[in-house]
Amino acid sequence: MIKPLADRVLVEPKEAETKTAGGLYIPDTAKEKPQQGTVLAAGPGKKDEPMEVKVGDVVLYGKYSGTEITVDGKNYLIMKQSDILATL
């Protein structure tokens, strides 16, 4: 498993919507990048900045936040805690 360092977190992004509220299917080229995900792992934080998120938190983050990685065919994001906008 991946263990983030310092103030970084590992997030599993929520799947993009495939259908609109009206029932229309959205093609892959028109899907929006998800901005919500679940924290799978969190680093220990920094001396002057403790971690505010924990494993299992559902978080909102900026559209272009973090670095995308693929491990065993699954997509994840590694981002700094400061890239997280809110927890749900």
N, C-alpha and C. Protein backbone atom coordinates (compact mmCIF):
# COMPACT_ATOMS: atom_id res chain seq x y z
N MET A 1 0.85 -1.20 0.00
CA MET A 1 0.00 0.00 0.00
C MET A 1 0.88 1.25 0.00
N ILE A 2 0.34 2.31 -0.45
CA ILE A 2 1.06 3.59 -0.54
C ILE A 2 0.95 4.32 0.78
N LYS A 3 2.07 4.82 1.29
CA LYS A 3 2.06 5.59 2.53
C LYS A 3 2.57 7.00 2.23
N PRO A 4 1.68 8.00 2.24
CA PRO A 4 2.09 9.39 1.96
C PRO A 4 3.02 9.93 3.04
N LEU A 5 3.87 10.87 2.66
CA LEU A 5 4.80 11.50 3.58
C LEU A 5 4.33 12.91 3.93
N ALA A 6 4.82 13.41 5.06
CA ALA A 6 4.55 14.78 5.52
C ALA A 6 3.06 15.10 5.52
N ASP A 7 2.67 16.16 4.81
CA ASP A 7 1.26 16.61 4.83
C ASP A 7 0.49 16.18 3.59
N ARG A 8 0.87 15.05 3.01
CA ARG A 8 0.19 14.58 1.80
C ARG A 8 -0.84 13.50 2.15
N VAL A 9 -1.85 13.39 1.28
CA VAL A 9 -2.90 12.39 1.46
C VAL A 9 -3.11 11.62 0.16
N LEU A 10 -3.53 10.39 0.28
CA LEU A 10 -3.87 9.55 -0.86
C LEU A 10 -5.39 9.51 -0.95
N VAL A 11 -5.92 9.92 -2.10
CA VAL A 11 -7.37 10.03 -2.29
C VAL A 11 -7.80 9.14 -3.44
N GLU A 12 -8.90 8.42 -3.23
CA GLU A 12 -9.52 7.66 -4.31
C GLU A 12 -10.66 8.52 -4.85
N PRO A 13 -10.53 9.03 -6.10
CA PRO A 13 -11.57 9.90 -6.63
C PRO A 13 -12.89 9.16 -6.84
N LYS A 14 -13.98 9.88 -6.65
CA LYS A 14 -15.31 9.34 -6.92
C LYS A 14 -15.45 9.18 -8.42
N GLU A 15 -16.17 8.17 -8.85
CA GLU A 15 -16.39 7.95 -10.28
C GLU A 15 -17.16 9.11 -10.89
N ALA A 16 -16.82 9.48 -12.12
CA ALA A 16 -17.53 10.55 -12.83
C ALA A 16 -18.94 10.08 -13.17
N GLU A 17 -19.87 11.02 -13.16
CA GLU A 17 -21.26 10.71 -13.49
C GLU A 17 -21.36 10.23 -14.93
N THR A 18 -22.15 9.19 -15.17
CA THR A 18 -22.31 8.66 -16.52
C THR A 18 -23.67 9.02 -17.12
N LYS A 19 -24.58 9.52 -16.27
CA LYS A 19 -25.92 9.85 -16.72
C LYS A 19 -26.37 11.15 -16.07
N THR A 20 -27.08 11.98 -16.80
CA THR A 20 -27.60 13.23 -16.25
C THR A 20 -28.85 12.95 -15.43
N ALA A 21 -29.34 13.96 -14.72
CA ALA A 21 -30.56 13.82 -13.92
C ALA A 21 -31.76 13.51 -14.81
N GLY A 22 -31.70 13.96 -16.07
CA GLY A 22 -32.79 13.71 -17.00
C GLY A 22 -32.72 12.35 -17.68
N GLY A 23 -31.65 11.58 -17.42
CA GLY A 23 -31.54 10.24 -17.97
C GLY A 23 -30.67 10.13 -19.21
N LEU A 24 -30.04 11.23 -19.64
CA LEU A 24 -29.18 11.18 -20.82
C LEU A 24 -27.80 10.65 -20.43
N TYR A 25 -27.21 9.84 -21.29
CA TYR A 25 -25.87 9.31 -21.03
C TYR A 25 -24.82 10.32 -21.48
N ILE A 26 -23.79 10.49 -20.66
CA ILE A 26 -22.73 11.44 -20.96
C ILE A 26 -21.57 10.68 -21.61
N PRO A 27 -21.11 11.10 -22.80
CA PRO A 27 -19.98 10.41 -23.43
C PRO A 27 -18.68 10.68 -22.64
N ASP A 28 -17.71 9.79 -22.79
CA ASP A 28 -16.44 9.91 -22.06
C ASP A 28 -15.75 11.24 -22.32
N THR A 29 -15.88 11.77 -23.52
CA THR A 29 -15.20 13.01 -23.88
C THR A 29 -15.82 14.22 -23.19
N ALA A 30 -17.04 14.12 -22.71
CA ALA A 30 -17.73 15.26 -22.10
C ALA A 30 -17.81 15.15 -20.58
N LYS A 31 -17.30 14.07 -20.00
CA LYS A 31 -17.39 13.90 -18.55
C LYS A 31 -16.49 14.89 -17.85
N GLU A 32 -16.98 15.42 -16.74
CA GLU A 32 -16.18 16.34 -15.93
C GLU A 32 -15.31 15.55 -14.98
N LYS A 33 -14.14 16.09 -14.70
CA LYS A 33 -13.23 15.45 -13.77
C LYS A 33 -13.83 15.52 -12.37
N PRO A 34 -13.86 14.39 -11.63
CA PRO A 34 -14.47 14.43 -10.29
C PRO A 34 -13.68 15.32 -9.34
N GLN A 35 -14.39 15.96 -8.41
CA GLN A 35 -13.77 16.84 -7.43
C GLN A 35 -14.07 16.36 -6.02
N GLN A 36 -14.42 15.10 -5.89
CA GLN A 36 -14.77 14.52 -4.61
C GLN A 36 -14.13 13.14 -4.53
N GLY A 37 -13.69 12.77 -3.33
CA GLY A 37 -13.08 11.46 -3.17
C GLY A 37 -12.97 11.07 -1.71
N THR A 38 -12.44 9.87 -1.47
CA THR A 38 -12.29 9.33 -0.12
C THR A 38 -10.81 9.23 0.21
N VAL A 39 -10.44 9.67 1.40
CA VAL A 39 -9.06 9.58 1.86
C VAL A 39 -8.75 8.13 2.23
N LEU A 40 -7.73 7.55 1.57
CA LEU A 40 -7.33 6.18 1.85
C LEU A 40 -6.13 6.10 2.79
N ALA A 41 -5.28 7.13 2.76
CA ALA A 41 -4.11 7.17 3.64
C ALA A 41 -3.70 8.62 3.82
N ALA A 42 -3.13 8.93 4.98
CA ALA A 42 -2.68 10.28 5.26
C ALA A 42 -1.31 10.23 5.92
N GLY A 43 -0.46 11.20 5.59
CA GLY A 43 0.85 11.29 6.21
C GLY A 43 0.74 11.78 7.65
N PRO A 44 1.87 11.85 8.35
CA PRO A 44 1.85 12.27 9.75
C PRO A 44 1.66 13.77 9.97
N GLY A 45 1.79 14.57 8.92
CA GLY A 45 1.67 16.01 9.05
C GLY A 45 3.04 16.64 9.25
N LYS A 46 3.05 17.94 9.45
CA LYS A 46 4.29 18.68 9.70
C LYS A 46 4.29 19.14 11.15
N LYS A 47 5.46 19.57 11.63
CA LYS A 47 5.56 20.03 13.02
C LYS A 47 4.59 21.16 13.32
N ASP A 48 4.55 22.14 12.42
CA ASP A 48 3.72 23.32 12.65
C ASP A 48 2.33 23.21 12.03
N GLU A 49 2.03 22.08 11.37
CA GLU A 49 0.74 21.91 10.71
C GLU A 49 0.26 20.46 10.87
N PRO A 50 -0.54 20.18 11.91
CA PRO A 50 -1.03 18.81 12.10
C PRO A 50 -2.06 18.44 11.02
N MET A 51 -2.23 17.15 10.80
CA MET A 51 -3.20 16.68 9.81
C MET A 51 -4.62 16.88 10.34
N GLU A 52 -5.46 17.45 9.50
CA GLU A 52 -6.86 17.68 9.86
C GLU A 52 -7.78 16.64 9.25
N VAL A 53 -7.30 15.93 8.23
CA VAL A 53 -8.11 14.88 7.61
C VAL A 53 -7.60 13.52 8.06
N LYS A 54 -8.48 12.55 8.05
CA LYS A 54 -8.09 11.20 8.46
C LYS A 54 -8.63 10.20 7.46
N VAL A 55 -8.16 8.98 7.54
CA VAL A 55 -8.59 7.92 6.65
C VAL A 55 -10.11 7.74 6.75
N GLY A 56 -10.75 7.65 5.60
CA GLY A 56 -12.20 7.48 5.56
C GLY A 56 -12.98 8.76 5.32
N ASP A 57 -12.34 9.92 5.49
CA ASP A 57 -13.02 11.20 5.24
C ASP A 57 -13.36 11.34 3.76
N VAL A 58 -14.53 11.88 3.46
CA VAL A 58 -14.90 12.23 2.09
C VAL A 58 -14.58 13.71 1.94
N VAL A 59 -13.77 14.02 0.93
CA VAL A 59 -13.25 15.38 0.78
C VAL A 59 -13.59 15.96 -0.58
N LEU A 60 -13.61 17.29 -0.64
CA LEU A 60 -13.74 18.04 -1.88
C LEU A 60 -12.40 18.70 -2.15
N TYR A 61 -11.97 18.67 -3.41
CA TYR A 61 -10.68 19.26 -3.77
C TYR A 61 -10.81 19.98 -5.10
N GLY A 62 -9.83 20.80 -5.42
CA GLY A 62 -9.85 21.56 -6.66
C GLY A 62 -9.78 20.66 -7.89
N LYS A 63 -10.28 21.14 -9.00
CA LYS A 63 -10.37 20.36 -10.22
C LYS A 63 -9.01 19.86 -10.71
N TYR A 64 -7.97 20.64 -10.55
CA TYR A 64 -6.65 20.26 -11.04
C TYR A 64 -5.67 20.00 -9.90
N SER A 65 -6.16 19.64 -8.74
CA SER A 65 -5.31 19.38 -7.57
C SER A 65 -4.70 18.00 -7.63
N GLY A 66 -3.53 17.88 -7.06
CA GLY A 66 -2.90 16.58 -6.87
C GLY A 66 -2.23 16.01 -8.11
N THR A 67 -1.59 14.87 -7.89
CA THR A 67 -0.89 14.15 -8.93
C THR A 67 -1.58 12.81 -9.12
N GLU A 68 -1.97 12.52 -10.35
CA GLU A 68 -2.66 11.26 -10.63
C GLU A 68 -1.65 10.14 -10.73
N ILE A 69 -1.94 9.02 -10.05
CA ILE A 69 -1.11 7.82 -10.15
C ILE A 69 -2.01 6.62 -10.38
N THR A 70 -1.46 5.57 -10.96
CA THR A 70 -2.19 4.32 -11.17
C THR A 70 -1.40 3.20 -10.52
N VAL A 71 -2.06 2.46 -9.64
CA VAL A 71 -1.45 1.32 -8.96
C VAL A 71 -2.39 0.13 -9.12
N ASP A 72 -1.87 -0.95 -9.66
CA ASP A 72 -2.66 -2.17 -9.89
C ASP A 72 -3.95 -1.89 -10.66
N GLY A 73 -3.89 -0.98 -11.63
CA GLY A 73 -5.04 -0.68 -12.47
C GLY A 73 -6.06 0.27 -11.87
N LYS A 74 -5.83 0.77 -10.66
CA LYS A 74 -6.76 1.71 -10.02
C LYS A 74 -6.13 3.10 -10.01
N ASN A 75 -6.95 4.12 -10.21
CA ASN A 75 -6.47 5.49 -10.23
C ASN A 75 -6.61 6.14 -8.86
N TYR A 76 -5.57 6.86 -8.46
CA TYR A 76 -5.54 7.57 -7.18
C TYR A 76 -4.97 8.96 -7.40
N LEU A 77 -5.15 9.81 -6.41
CA LEU A 77 -4.54 11.13 -6.39
C LEU A 77 -3.71 11.26 -5.12
N ILE A 78 -2.53 11.83 -5.25
CA ILE A 78 -1.74 12.22 -4.08
C ILE A 78 -1.71 13.73 -4.09
N MET A 79 -2.12 14.33 -2.97
CA MET A 79 -2.17 15.79 -2.89
C MET A 79 -1.79 16.26 -1.50
N LYS A 80 -1.42 17.53 -1.42
CA LYS A 80 -1.13 18.13 -0.12
C LYS A 80 -2.45 18.39 0.59
N GLN A 81 -2.40 18.40 1.90
CA GLN A 81 -3.59 18.68 2.69
C GLN A 81 -4.17 20.05 2.34
N SER A 82 -3.31 20.99 1.99
CA SER A 82 -3.78 22.35 1.66
C SER A 82 -4.58 22.39 0.36
N ASP A 83 -4.48 21.36 -0.49
CA ASP A 83 -5.28 21.29 -1.72
C ASP A 83 -6.72 20.87 -1.46
N ILE A 84 -6.98 20.35 -0.27
CA ILE A 84 -8.33 19.91 0.08
C ILE A 84 -9.13 21.13 0.51
N LEU A 85 -10.30 21.30 -0.08
CA LEU A 85 -11.14 22.46 0.19
C LEU A 85 -12.07 22.26 1.38
N ALA A 86 -12.62 21.03 1.51
CA ALA A 86 -13.60 20.78 2.58
C ALA A 86 -13.77 19.28 2.79
N THR A 87 -14.31 18.92 3.95
CA THR A 87 -14.69 17.53 4.20
C THR A 87 -16.21 17.46 4.26
N LEU A 88 -16.76 16.34 3.87
CA LEU A 88 -18.22 16.17 3.90
C LEU A 88 -18.63 15.27 5.03
